[in-house]
Amino acid sequence: MTNLMTLTRMRVQLALRNKMFFFFSLVMPLGFFFLYSGVFAKGEPDSVAYLLGPVLGLNVMGSFWGLSATLVMFREQGILRRFHVTPATATDMLISSVLANYALTLPTVVLELFLARTLFHVPNLGNLLSIFLLVSIGTVSFGSLGLVIASVTNTMQETQVLNQLLWLPLIFLSGATIPFTSLSNSVKHIALFLPATYLVHGLKNAIVNDYGPGKLLLALVSLTLWFVLTLFLSSQLFRWEPEAKIGRKAKFYVAATAIPFILLGIWEAKNGRVIAEENSTLQRLEAPHKSGKQKDAQPKSEDLKPDSDSSTEDSQ
């Protein structure tokens, strides 16, 4: 436990000294926050609350990118070799990476919630316990995905390519960037097999619909199981030395970590719960705006009454 805490503290300190970390962990997430809240939502509290889920989802999903790149860089530069001669184990290194990433991600999430409440006057942030659980489990599970990527790639170039291949579907099909309801039916069913879909959807329901952990249990359990599988796989494939290459067959083991969401996607495709909830939430959000437009379009009763003076003149 002492080795784990020491490694975690060291990883946090190293990250805080890195200007690139400062940009990707604070500047970019806040940039997305103000883009979504100020431009897309036009500062309207209800719209800001609806888009807050995707904003937090983007922040959480970005966990895997930094972790994978950092570990591969450490291995290429021989830094991991130095840790190998210490009492620290591979498990200590991996878990400390996840804990440090979580400790660095959580303050940004709290800041975004605070700004939504105070700057954009969102009246209700929903169920804070559900948000905390989804952010926590989501951060460690996506962080563990980064550990798997670092374990199966041999160079920084391979890592960047694999990160891109995973990142683009995660952000474009989950509802984090393109509204889920705007996707075609076939694309929606593909998105049901992605862990990011359940993270973003769960955050929306926690904030907009005030869902408690009980109603989000399926997403929470799936993300937790995914975390366990990815952490276990990364521990089996972890390498200290840059010369220790991994075989191509080992890369296929990564597919095993998708089992929880393959099963969940099959069930959701038949049940249609996520798609129905997304449509219902959006319709409820748009209802006040539509009713307001209809009221403005209806003529007032005074306008329908004939002008008494003009009618009198016509009769004369």
C-alpha atoms as a PDB file:
ATOM      1  CA  MET A   1       0.000   0.000   0.000  1.00  0.00           C
ATOM      2  CA  THR A   2       2.889   2.383   0.742  1.00  0.00           C
ATOM      3  CA  ASN A   3       4.394   1.772  -2.704  1.00  0.00           C
ATOM      4  CA  LEU A   4       1.000   2.393  -4.307  1.00  0.00           C
ATOM      5  CA  MET A   5       0.438   5.697  -2.530  1.00  0.00           C
ATOM      6  CA  THR A   6       3.992   6.849  -3.236  1.00  0.00           C
ATOM      7  CA  LEU A   7       3.645   6.059  -6.938  1.00  0.00           C
ATOM      8  CA  THR A   8       0.256   7.784  -7.102  1.00  0.00           C
ATOM      9  CA  ARG A   9       1.604  10.938  -5.478  1.00  0.00           C
ATOM     10  CA  MET A  10       4.607  10.926  -7.809  1.00  0.00           C
ATOM     11  CA  ARG A  11       2.397  10.528 -10.909  1.00  0.00           C
ATOM     12  CA  VAL A  12       0.238  13.457  -9.828  1.00  0.00           C
ATOM     13  CA  GLN A  13       3.293  15.650  -9.255  1.00  0.00           C
ATOM     14  CA  LEU A  14       4.781  14.749 -12.642  1.00  0.00           C
ATOM     15  CA  ALA A  15       1.501  15.515 -14.387  1.00  0.00           C
ATOM     16  CA  LEU A  16       1.159  18.906 -12.715  1.00  0.00           C
ATOM     17  CA  ARG A  17       4.614  19.875 -13.999  1.00  0.00           C
ATOM     18  CA  ASN A  18       3.652  18.973 -17.561  1.00  0.00           C
ATOM     19  CA  LYS A  19       2.272  21.863 -19.657  1.00  0.00           C
ATOM     20  CA  MET A  20       0.659  19.435 -22.091  1.00  0.00           C
ATOM     21  CA  PHE A  21      -1.271  17.843 -19.241  1.00  0.00           C
ATOM     22  CA  PHE A  22      -2.467  21.284 -18.146  1.00  0.00           C
ATOM     23  CA  PHE A  23      -3.818  21.929 -21.630  1.00  0.00           C
ATOM     24  CA  PHE A  24      -5.557  18.589 -22.166  1.00  0.00           C
ATOM     25  CA  SER A  25      -6.879  18.210 -18.608  1.00  0.00           C
ATOM     26  CA  LEU A  26      -8.045  21.757 -17.898  1.00  0.00           C
ATOM     27  CA  VAL A  27      -7.934  24.126 -20.870  1.00  0.00           C
ATOM     28  CA  MET A  28      -9.497  21.802 -23.436  1.00  0.00           C
ATOM     29  CA  PRO A  29     -12.302  20.470 -21.166  1.00  0.00           C
ATOM     30  CA  LEU A  30     -13.245  24.025 -20.185  1.00  0.00           C
ATOM     31  CA  GLY A  31     -13.104  24.993 -23.852  1.00  0.00           C
ATOM     32  CA  PHE A  32     -15.658  22.270 -24.634  1.00  0.00           C
ATOM     33  CA  PHE A  33     -17.750  23.385 -21.672  1.00  0.00           C
ATOM     34  CA  PHE A  34     -18.015  27.007 -22.832  1.00  0.00           C
ATOM     35  CA  LEU A  35     -18.502  25.958 -26.463  1.00  0.00           C
ATOM     36  CA  TYR A  36     -21.426  23.685 -25.592  1.00  0.00           C
ATOM     37  CA  SER A  37     -22.958  25.957 -22.950  1.00  0.00           C
ATOM     38  CA  GLY A  38     -22.394  29.356 -24.516  1.00  0.00           C
ATOM     39  CA  VAL A  39     -22.659  28.595 -28.239  1.00  0.00           C
ATOM     40  CA  PHE A  40     -24.691  25.415 -28.726  1.00  0.00           C
ATOM     41  CA  ALA A  41     -27.019  25.923 -25.736  1.00  0.00           C
ATOM     42  CA  LYS A  42     -26.984  29.746 -26.151  1.00  0.00           C
ATOM     43  CA  GLY A  43     -26.741  30.076 -22.381  1.00  0.00           C
ATOM     44  CA  GLU A  44     -30.278  28.737 -21.776  1.00  0.00           C
ATOM     45  CA  PRO A  45     -30.243  26.862 -18.433  1.00  0.00           C
ATOM     46  CA  ASP A  46     -32.333  23.896 -19.623  1.00  0.00           C
ATOM     47  CA  SER A  47     -30.215  23.429 -22.743  1.00  0.00           C
ATOM     48  CA  VAL A  48     -27.006  23.790 -20.728  1.00  0.00           C
ATOM     49  CA  ALA A  49     -28.210  21.056 -18.364  1.00  0.00           C
ATOM     50  CA  TYR A  50     -28.999  18.787 -21.334  1.00  0.00           C
ATOM     51  CA  LEU A  51     -25.535  19.300 -22.852  1.00  0.00           C
ATOM     52  CA  LEU A  52     -23.726  19.022 -19.526  1.00  0.00           C
ATOM     53  CA  GLY A  53     -23.846  15.218 -19.751  1.00  0.00           C
ATOM     54  CA  PRO A  54     -21.931  15.106 -23.063  1.00  0.00           C
ATOM     55  CA  VAL A  55     -19.436  17.680 -21.758  1.00  0.00           C
ATOM     56  CA  LEU A  56     -18.674  15.609 -18.660  1.00  0.00           C
ATOM     57  CA  GLY A  57     -18.591  12.490 -20.819  1.00  0.00           C
ATOM     58  CA  LEU A  58     -15.904  13.981 -23.069  1.00  0.00           C
ATOM     59  CA  ASN A  59     -13.853  14.890 -20.005  1.00  0.00           C
ATOM     60  CA  VAL A  60     -14.125  11.383 -18.573  1.00  0.00           C
ATOM     61  CA  MET A  61     -13.488   9.590 -21.879  1.00  0.00           C
ATOM     62  CA  GLY A  62     -10.299  11.523 -22.473  1.00  0.00           C
ATOM     63  CA  SER A  63      -8.741   9.601 -19.584  1.00  0.00           C
ATOM     64  CA  PHE A  64      -7.461   6.789 -21.759  1.00  0.00           C
ATOM     65  CA  TRP A  65      -5.563   9.058 -24.139  1.00  0.00           C
ATOM     66  CA  GLY A  66      -3.152  10.552 -21.613  1.00  0.00           C
ATOM     67  CA  LEU A  67      -2.558   7.324 -19.714  1.00  0.00           C
ATOM     68  CA  SER A  68      -1.673   5.271 -22.777  1.00  0.00           C
ATOM     69  CA  ALA A  69       0.694   7.914 -24.157  1.00  0.00           C
ATOM     70  CA  THR A  70       2.406   8.458 -20.793  1.00  0.00           C
ATOM     71  CA  LEU A  71       3.084   4.782 -20.101  1.00  0.00           C
ATOM     72  CA  VAL A  72       4.433   4.135 -23.598  1.00  0.00           C
ATOM     73  CA  MET A  73       6.675   7.195 -23.298  1.00  0.00           C
ATOM     74  CA  PHE A  74       7.921   5.961 -19.910  1.00  0.00           C
ATOM     75  CA  ARG A  75       8.714   2.570 -21.423  1.00  0.00           C
ATOM     76  CA  GLU A  76      10.477   3.986 -24.494  1.00  0.00           C
ATOM     77  CA  GLN A  77      12.606   6.344 -22.380  1.00  0.00           C
ATOM     78  CA  GLY A  78      13.596   3.559 -19.969  1.00  0.00           C
ATOM     79  CA  ILE A  79      11.794   5.135 -17.005  1.00  0.00           C
ATOM     80  CA  LEU A  80       9.776   1.989 -16.325  1.00  0.00           C
ATOM     81  CA  ARG A  81      13.027   0.014 -16.186  1.00  0.00           C
ATOM     82  CA  ARG A  82      14.096   2.124 -13.222  1.00  0.00           C
ATOM     83  CA  PHE A  83      10.843   1.393 -11.412  1.00  0.00           C
ATOM     84  CA  HIS A  84      11.350  -2.305 -12.094  1.00  0.00           C
ATOM     85  CA  VAL A  85      14.352  -2.439  -9.743  1.00  0.00           C
ATOM     86  CA  THR A  86      12.282  -0.958  -6.894  1.00  0.00           C
ATOM     87  CA  PRO A  87       9.830  -2.928  -4.713  1.00  0.00           C
ATOM     88  CA  ALA A  88       6.968  -1.595  -6.868  1.00  0.00           C
ATOM     89  CA  THR A  89       5.062  -4.246  -8.800  1.00  0.00           C
ATOM     90  CA  ALA A  90       3.312  -4.006 -12.162  1.00  0.00           C
ATOM     91  CA  THR A  91      -0.019  -3.897 -10.332  1.00  0.00           C
ATOM     92  CA  ASP A  92       1.201  -0.963  -8.245  1.00  0.00           C
ATOM     93  CA  MET A  93       2.231   0.905 -11.382  1.00  0.00           C
ATOM     94  CA  LEU A  94      -1.087   0.297 -13.142  1.00  0.00           C
ATOM     95  CA  ILE A  95      -3.383   1.071 -10.219  1.00  0.00           C
ATOM     96  CA  SER A  96      -1.376   4.181  -9.297  1.00  0.00           C
ATOM     97  CA  SER A  97      -1.792   5.393 -12.889  1.00  0.00           C
ATOM     98  CA  VAL A  98      -5.562   4.993 -12.652  1.00  0.00           C
ATOM     99  CA  LEU A  99      -5.749   6.650  -9.208  1.00  0.00           C
ATOM    100  CA  ALA A 100      -3.576   9.593 -10.273  1.00  0.00           C
ATOM    101  CA  ASN A 101      -5.697  10.071 -13.387  1.00  0.00           C
ATOM    102  CA  TYR A 102      -8.856  10.019 -11.276  1.00  0.00           C
ATOM    103  CA  ALA A 103      -7.442  12.538  -8.785  1.00  0.00           C
ATOM    104  CA  LEU A 104      -6.582  14.879 -11.655  1.00  0.00           C
ATOM    105  CA  THR A 105      -9.880  14.487 -13.541  1.00  0.00           C
ATOM    106  CA  LEU A 106     -12.327  14.946 -10.661  1.00  0.00           C
ATOM    107  CA  PRO A 107     -11.496  18.638  -9.902  1.00  0.00           C
ATOM    108  CA  THR A 108     -12.212  19.624 -13.527  1.00  0.00           C
ATOM    109  CA  VAL A 109     -15.600  17.876 -13.368  1.00  0.00           C
ATOM    110  CA  VAL A 110     -16.441  19.662 -10.112  1.00  0.00           C
ATOM    111  CA  LEU A 111     -15.419  22.996 -11.660  1.00  0.00           C
ATOM    112  CA  GLU A 112     -17.668  22.409 -14.685  1.00  0.00           C
ATOM    113  CA  LEU A 113     -20.637  21.606 -12.439  1.00  0.00           C
ATOM    114  CA  PHE A 114     -19.926  24.720 -10.379  1.00  0.00           C
ATOM    115  CA  LEU A 115     -19.772  26.935 -13.484  1.00  0.00           C
ATOM    116  CA  ALA A 116     -22.983  25.443 -14.842  1.00  0.00           C
ATOM    117  CA  ARG A 117     -24.751  26.245 -11.574  1.00  0.00           C
ATOM    118  CA  THR A 118     -23.354  29.738 -10.979  1.00  0.00           C
ATOM    119  CA  LEU A 119     -22.459  31.119 -14.402  1.00  0.00           C
ATOM    120  CA  PHE A 120     -25.256  29.631 -16.514  1.00  0.00           C
ATOM    121  CA  HIS A 121     -27.805  29.413 -13.669  1.00  0.00           C
ATOM    122  CA  VAL A 122     -28.767  25.781 -14.181  1.00  0.00           C
ATOM    123  CA  PRO A 123     -31.530  25.434 -11.560  1.00  0.00           C
ATOM    124  CA  ASN A 124     -30.926  21.771 -10.756  1.00  0.00           C
ATOM    125  CA  LEU A 125     -27.870  19.608 -11.395  1.00  0.00           C
ATOM    126  CA  GLY A 126     -29.895  16.439 -10.921  1.00  0.00           C
ATOM    127  CA  ASN A 127     -28.790  13.511  -8.800  1.00  0.00           C
ATOM    128  CA  LEU A 128     -25.276  14.354  -7.613  1.00  0.00           C
ATOM    129  CA  LEU A 129     -24.664  10.847  -6.259  1.00  0.00           C
ATOM    130  CA  SER A 130     -25.366   9.326  -9.670  1.00  0.00           C
ATOM    131  CA  ILE A 131     -23.119  11.891 -11.358  1.00  0.00           C
ATOM    132  CA  PHE A 132     -20.321  11.120  -8.885  1.00  0.00           C
ATOM    133  CA  LEU A 133     -20.644   7.359  -9.420  1.00  0.00           C
ATOM    134  CA  LEU A 134     -20.749   7.622 -13.213  1.00  0.00           C
ATOM    135  CA  VAL A 135     -17.795  10.016 -13.327  1.00  0.00           C
ATOM    136  CA  SER A 136     -15.782   7.885 -10.894  1.00  0.00           C
ATOM    137  CA  ILE A 137     -16.438   4.522 -12.515  1.00  0.00           C
ATOM    138  CA  GLY A 138     -16.199   6.039 -15.993  1.00  0.00           C
ATOM    139  CA  THR A 139     -12.832   7.661 -15.274  1.00  0.00           C
ATOM    140  CA  VAL A 140     -11.210   4.513 -13.907  1.00  0.00           C
ATOM    141  CA  SER A 141     -12.713   2.284 -16.620  1.00  0.00           C
ATOM    142  CA  PHE A 142     -11.637   4.500 -19.525  1.00  0.00           C
ATOM    143  CA  GLY A 143      -8.306   4.987 -17.785  1.00  0.00           C
ATOM    144  CA  SER A 144      -7.907   1.211 -17.717  1.00  0.00           C
ATOM    145  CA  LEU A 145      -8.606   1.168 -21.443  1.00  0.00           C
ATOM    146  CA  GLY A 146      -5.560   3.419 -21.776  1.00  0.00           C
ATOM    147  CA  LEU A 147      -3.527   0.858 -19.830  1.00  0.00           C
ATOM    148  CA  VAL A 148      -4.575  -1.859 -22.275  1.00  0.00           C
ATOM    149  CA  ILE A 149      -3.601   0.309 -25.239  1.00  0.00           C
ATOM    150  CA  ALA A 150      -0.201   0.973 -23.669  1.00  0.00           C
ATOM    151  CA  SER A 151       0.228  -2.758 -23.112  1.00  0.00           C
ATOM    152  CA  VAL A 152      -0.525  -3.870 -26.688  1.00  0.00           C
ATOM    153  CA  THR A 153       1.336  -1.126 -28.578  1.00  0.00           C
ATOM    154  CA  ASN A 154       5.089  -1.158 -29.004  1.00  0.00           C
ATOM    155  CA  THR A 155       5.776   2.443 -30.044  1.00  0.00           C
ATOM    156  CA  MET A 156       4.318   5.904 -29.547  1.00  0.00           C
ATOM    157  CA  GLN A 157       3.265   5.959 -33.204  1.00  0.00           C
ATOM    158  CA  GLU A 158       1.213   2.786 -32.762  1.00  0.00           C
ATOM    159  CA  THR A 159      -0.322   4.233 -29.613  1.00  0.00           C
ATOM    160  CA  GLN A 160      -1.431   7.445 -31.328  1.00  0.00           C
ATOM    161  CA  VAL A 161      -2.966   5.533 -34.248  1.00  0.00           C
ATOM    162  CA  LEU A 162      -4.902   3.186 -31.964  1.00  0.00           C
ATOM    163  CA  ASN A 163      -6.023   6.099 -29.773  1.00  0.00           C
ATOM    164  CA  GLN A 164      -7.422   7.877 -32.821  1.00  0.00           C
ATOM    165  CA  LEU A 165      -9.193   4.757 -34.076  1.00  0.00           C
ATOM    166  CA  LEU A 166     -10.929   4.345 -30.713  1.00  0.00           C
ATOM    167  CA  TRP A 167     -11.494   8.025 -29.905  1.00  0.00           C
ATOM    168  CA  LEU A 168     -13.425   8.974 -33.054  1.00  0.00           C
ATOM    169  CA  PRO A 169     -16.214   6.352 -32.733  1.00  0.00           C
ATOM    170  CA  LEU A 170     -16.461   7.012 -29.003  1.00  0.00           C
ATOM    171  CA  ILE A 171     -17.134  10.745 -29.397  1.00  0.00           C
ATOM    172  CA  PHE A 172     -19.184  10.712 -32.612  1.00  0.00           C
ATOM    173  CA  LEU A 173     -21.495   7.747 -31.949  1.00  0.00           C
ATOM    174  CA  SER A 174     -22.118   8.088 -28.203  1.00  0.00           C
ATOM    175  CA  GLY A 175     -24.007  11.391 -28.295  1.00  0.00           C
ATOM    176  CA  ALA A 176     -21.045  13.315 -26.900  1.00  0.00           C
ATOM    177  CA  THR A 177     -20.654  15.481 -30.016  1.00  0.00           C
ATOM    178  CA  ILE A 178     -23.475  14.612 -32.433  1.00  0.00           C
ATOM    179  CA  PRO A 179     -26.895  14.410 -30.707  1.00  0.00           C
ATOM    180  CA  PHE A 180     -27.876  10.764 -30.313  1.00  0.00           C
ATOM    181  CA  THR A 181     -31.355  11.454 -31.650  1.00  0.00           C
ATOM    182  CA  SER A 182     -29.858  12.843 -34.874  1.00  0.00           C
ATOM    183  CA  LEU A 183     -28.185   9.543 -35.748  1.00  0.00           C
ATOM    184  CA  SER A 184     -29.794   7.148 -38.167  1.00  0.00           C
ATOM    185  CA  ASN A 185     -31.495   4.024 -36.840  1.00  0.00           C
ATOM    186  CA  SER A 186     -28.697   1.708 -37.977  1.00  0.00           C
ATOM    187  CA  VAL A 187     -25.989   3.926 -36.449  1.00  0.00           C
ATOM    188  CA  LYS A 188     -27.935   4.128 -33.172  1.00  0.00           C
ATOM    189  CA  HIS A 189     -27.931   0.342 -32.934  1.00  0.00           C
ATOM    190  CA  ILE A 190     -24.173   0.274 -33.551  1.00  0.00           C
ATOM    191  CA  ALA A 191     -23.713   2.888 -30.813  1.00  0.00           C
ATOM    192  CA  LEU A 192     -25.486   0.591 -28.348  1.00  0.00           C
ATOM    193  CA  PHE A 193     -22.351  -1.580 -28.280  1.00  0.00           C
ATOM    194  CA  LEU A 194     -20.072   1.279 -27.138  1.00  0.00           C
ATOM    195  CA  PRO A 195     -19.320   1.925 -23.437  1.00  0.00           C
ATOM    196  CA  ALA A 196     -19.256   5.677 -24.102  1.00  0.00           C
ATOM    197  CA  THR A 197     -22.934   5.588 -25.088  1.00  0.00           C
ATOM    198  CA  TYR A 198     -23.971   4.360 -21.645  1.00  0.00           C
ATOM    199  CA  LEU A 199     -21.699   6.847 -19.904  1.00  0.00           C
ATOM    200  CA  VAL A 200     -23.092   9.866 -21.781  1.00  0.00           C
ATOM    201  CA  HIS A 201     -26.672   8.565 -21.642  1.00  0.00           C
ATOM    202  CA  GLY A 202     -26.371   7.886 -17.916  1.00  0.00           C
ATOM    203  CA  LEU A 203     -24.993  11.367 -17.229  1.00  0.00           C
ATOM    204  CA  LYS A 204     -27.868  12.932 -19.188  1.00  0.00           C
ATOM    205  CA  ASN A 205     -30.422  10.985 -17.183  1.00  0.00           C
ATOM    206  CA  ALA A 206     -28.709  11.781 -13.890  1.00  0.00           C
ATOM    207  CA  ILE A 207     -28.686  15.530 -14.650  1.00  0.00           C
ATOM    208  CA  VAL A 208     -31.857  16.126 -16.673  1.00  0.00           C
ATOM    209  CA  ASN A 209     -34.145  13.366 -15.369  1.00  0.00           C
ATOM    210  CA  ASP A 210     -32.713  13.201 -11.815  1.00  0.00           C
ATOM    211  CA  TYR A 211     -32.166   9.420 -12.077  1.00  0.00           C
ATOM    212  CA  GLY A 212     -30.781   7.771  -8.971  1.00  0.00           C
ATOM    213  CA  PRO A 213     -28.166   4.994  -8.963  1.00  0.00           C
ATOM    214  CA  GLY A 214     -30.930   2.364  -8.961  1.00  0.00           C
ATOM    215  CA  LYS A 215     -32.220   3.456 -12.369  1.00  0.00           C
ATOM    216  CA  LEU A 216     -28.667   3.600 -13.724  1.00  0.00           C
ATOM    217  CA  LEU A 217     -27.612   0.268 -12.251  1.00  0.00           C
ATOM    218  CA  LEU A 218     -27.192  -1.437 -15.625  1.00  0.00           C
ATOM    219  CA  ALA A 219     -24.735   1.184 -16.882  1.00  0.00           C
ATOM    220  CA  LEU A 220     -22.857   1.292 -13.561  1.00  0.00           C
ATOM    221  CA  VAL A 221     -22.460  -2.500 -13.404  1.00  0.00           C
ATOM    222  CA  SER A 222     -21.383  -2.729 -17.057  1.00  0.00           C
ATOM    223  CA  LEU A 223     -18.746  -0.004 -16.669  1.00  0.00           C
ATOM    224  CA  THR A 224     -17.487  -1.614 -13.442  1.00  0.00           C
ATOM    225  CA  LEU A 225     -17.185  -5.032 -15.074  1.00  0.00           C
ATOM    226  CA  TRP A 226     -15.397  -3.430 -18.020  1.00  0.00           C
ATOM    227  CA  PHE A 227     -12.949  -1.783 -15.602  1.00  0.00           C
ATOM    228  CA  VAL A 228     -12.161  -5.121 -13.956  1.00  0.00           C
ATOM    229  CA  LEU A 229     -11.573  -6.839 -17.298  1.00  0.00           C
ATOM    230  CA  THR A 230      -9.383  -4.094 -18.746  1.00  0.00           C
ATOM    231  CA  LEU A 231      -7.312  -3.765 -15.570  1.00  0.00           C
ATOM    232  CA  PHE A 232      -6.781  -7.537 -15.417  1.00  0.00           C
ATOM    233  CA  LEU A 233      -5.793  -7.730 -19.088  1.00  0.00           C
ATOM    234  CA  SER A 234      -3.377  -4.811 -18.815  1.00  0.00           C
ATOM    235  CA  SER A 235      -1.716  -6.437 -15.792  1.00  0.00           C
ATOM    236  CA  GLN A 236      -1.189  -9.633 -17.800  1.00  0.00           C
ATOM    237  CA  LEU A 237       0.303  -7.807 -20.787  1.00  0.00           C
ATOM    238  CA  PHE A 238       2.299  -5.155 -18.906  1.00  0.00           C
ATOM    239  CA  ARG A 239       5.959  -4.755 -19.959  1.00  0.00           C
ATOM    240  CA  TRP A 240       8.750  -2.913 -18.163  1.00  0.00           C
ATOM    241  CA  GLU A 241      11.347  -3.086 -20.919  1.00  0.00           C
ATOM    242  CA  PRO A 242      11.074  -1.373 -24.330  1.00  0.00           C
ATOM    243  CA  GLU A 243      12.803  -4.379 -25.903  1.00  0.00           C
ATOM    244  CA  ALA A 244      10.040  -6.713 -24.732  1.00  0.00           C
ATOM    245  CA  LYS A 245       7.694  -6.752 -27.700  1.00  0.00           C
ATOM    246  CA  ILE A 246       4.216  -8.165 -27.631  1.00  0.00           C
ATOM    247  CA  GLY A 247       2.942 -10.635 -30.180  1.00  0.00           C
ATOM    248  CA  ARG A 248       0.142  -9.888 -32.601  1.00  0.00           C
ATOM    249  CA  LYS A 249      -2.074 -12.577 -31.120  1.00  0.00           C
ATOM    250  CA  ALA A 250      -2.056 -10.837 -27.746  1.00  0.00           C
ATOM    251  CA  LYS A 251      -3.712  -7.800 -29.318  1.00  0.00           C
ATOM    252  CA  PHE A 252      -6.800  -9.885 -30.024  1.00  0.00           C
ATOM    253  CA  TYR A 253      -7.235 -10.352 -26.274  1.00  0.00           C
ATOM    254  CA  VAL A 254      -8.394  -6.740 -26.150  1.00  0.00           C
ATOM    255  CA  ALA A 255     -11.626  -7.850 -27.815  1.00  0.00           C
ATOM    256  CA  ALA A 256     -12.449  -9.853 -24.689  1.00  0.00           C
ATOM    257  CA  THR A 257     -12.845  -6.633 -22.707  1.00  0.00           C
ATOM    258  CA  ALA A 258     -15.816  -5.690 -24.909  1.00  0.00           C
ATOM    259  CA  ILE A 259     -17.886  -8.673 -23.739  1.00  0.00           C
ATOM    260  CA  PRO A 260     -20.035  -6.703 -21.212  1.00  0.00           C
ATOM    261  CA  PHE A 261     -21.076  -4.189 -23.862  1.00  0.00           C
ATOM    262  CA  ILE A 262     -21.583  -6.793 -26.563  1.00  0.00           C
ATOM    263  CA  LEU A 263     -24.121  -8.481 -24.307  1.00  0.00           C
ATOM    264  CA  LEU A 264     -25.629  -5.170 -23.218  1.00  0.00           C
ATOM    265  CA  GLY A 265     -25.812  -3.952 -26.827  1.00  0.00           C
ATOM    266  CA  ILE A 266     -27.690  -7.092 -27.923  1.00  0.00           C
ATOM    267  CA  TRP A 267     -30.165  -6.651 -25.069  1.00  0.00           C
ATOM    268  CA  GLU A 268     -30.629  -2.935 -25.729  1.00  0.00           C
ATOM    269  CA  ALA A 269     -31.105  -3.492 -29.472  1.00  0.00           C
ATOM    270  CA  LYS A 270     -34.068  -5.742 -28.683  1.00  0.00           C
ATOM    271  CA  ASN A 271     -35.395  -3.666 -25.808  1.00  0.00           C
ATOM    272  CA  GLY A 272     -34.918  -0.168 -27.233  1.00  0.00           C
ATOM    273  CA  ARG A 273     -34.742   1.455 -23.799  1.00  0.00           C
ATOM    274  CA  VAL A 274     -31.835   3.835 -24.468  1.00  0.00           C
ATOM    275  CA  ILE A 275     -33.255   5.056 -27.791  1.00  0.00           C
ATOM    276  CA  ALA A 276     -36.698   5.599 -26.258  1.00  0.00           C
ATOM    277  CA  GLU A 277     -35.279   7.500 -23.273  1.00  0.00           C
ATOM    278  CA  GLU A 278     -33.157   9.725 -25.515  1.00  0.00           C
ATOM    279  CA  ASN A 279     -36.180  10.635 -27.640  1.00  0.00           C
ATOM    280  CA  SER A 280     -38.340  11.250 -24.572  1.00  0.00           C
ATOM    281  CA  THR A 281     -35.766  13.502 -22.899  1.00  0.00           C
ATOM    282  CA  LEU A 282     -35.307  15.619 -26.010  1.00  0.00           C
ATOM    283  CA  GLN A 283     -39.076  15.945 -26.580  1.00  0.00           C
ATOM    284  CA  ARG A 284     -39.587  17.050 -22.983  1.00  0.00           C
ATOM    285  CA  LEU A 285     -36.816  19.613 -23.348  1.00  0.00           C
ATOM    286  CA  GLU A 286     -38.276  21.003 -26.581  1.00  0.00           C
ATOM    287  CA  ALA A 287     -41.891  21.054 -25.356  1.00  0.00           C
ATOM    288  CA  PRO A 288     -41.768  24.470 -23.589  1.00  0.00           C
ATOM    289  CA  HIS A 289     -40.145  26.094 -26.630  1.00  0.00           C
ATOM    290  CA  LYS A 290     -42.772  24.671 -28.986  1.00  0.00           C
ATOM    291  CA  SER A 291     -45.667  25.732 -26.749  1.00  0.00           C
ATOM    292  CA  GLY A 292     -44.179  29.216 -26.490  1.00  0.00           C
ATOM    293  CA  LYS A 293     -43.961  29.537 -30.252  1.00  0.00           C
ATOM    294  CA  GLN A 294     -47.559  28.333 -30.644  1.00  0.00           C
ATOM    295  CA  LYS A 295     -48.787  30.948 -28.163  1.00  0.00           C
ATOM    296  CA  ASP A 296     -46.930  33.673 -30.025  1.00  0.00           C
ATOM    297  CA  ALA A 297     -48.409  32.507 -33.323  1.00  0.00           C
ATOM    298  CA  GLN A 298     -52.023  32.520 -32.052  1.00  0.00           C
ATOM    299  CA  PRO A 299     -53.877  35.823 -32.645  1.00  0.00           C
ATOM    300  CA  LYS A 300     -55.103  37.624 -29.578  1.00  0.00           C
ATOM    301  CA  SER A 301     -58.838  37.776 -28.884  1.00  0.00           C
ATOM    302  CA  GLU A 302     -58.812  41.569 -29.287  1.00  0.00           C
ATOM    303  CA  ASP A 303     -57.449  41.180 -32.799  1.00  0.00           C
ATOM    304  CA  LEU A 304     -60.360  38.909 -33.725  1.00  0.00           C
ATOM    305  CA  LYS A 305     -63.027  41.453 -32.680  1.00  0.00           C
ATOM    306  CA  PRO A 306     -64.272  43.730 -35.461  1.00  0.00           C
ATOM    307  CA  ASP A 307     -63.496  47.391 -35.171  1.00  0.00           C
ATOM    308  CA  SER A 308     -66.770  48.939 -33.886  1.00  0.00           C
ATOM    309  CA  ASP A 309     -66.019  52.340 -35.359  1.00  0.00           C
ATOM    310  CA  SER A 310     -65.212  51.078 -38.793  1.00  0.00           C
ATOM    311  CA  SER A 311     -68.231  48.760 -38.874  1.00  0.00           C
ATOM    312  CA  THR A 312     -70.508  51.657 -37.889  1.00  0.00           C
ATOM    313  CA  GLU A 313     -69.124  53.852 -40.658  1.00  0.00           C
ATOM    314  CA  ASP A 314     -69.653  51.073 -43.186  1.00  0.00           C
ATOM    315  CA  SER A 315     -73.276  50.644 -42.151  1.00  0.00           C
ATOM    316  CA  GLN A 316     -73.931  54.362 -42.578  1.00  0.00           C
END
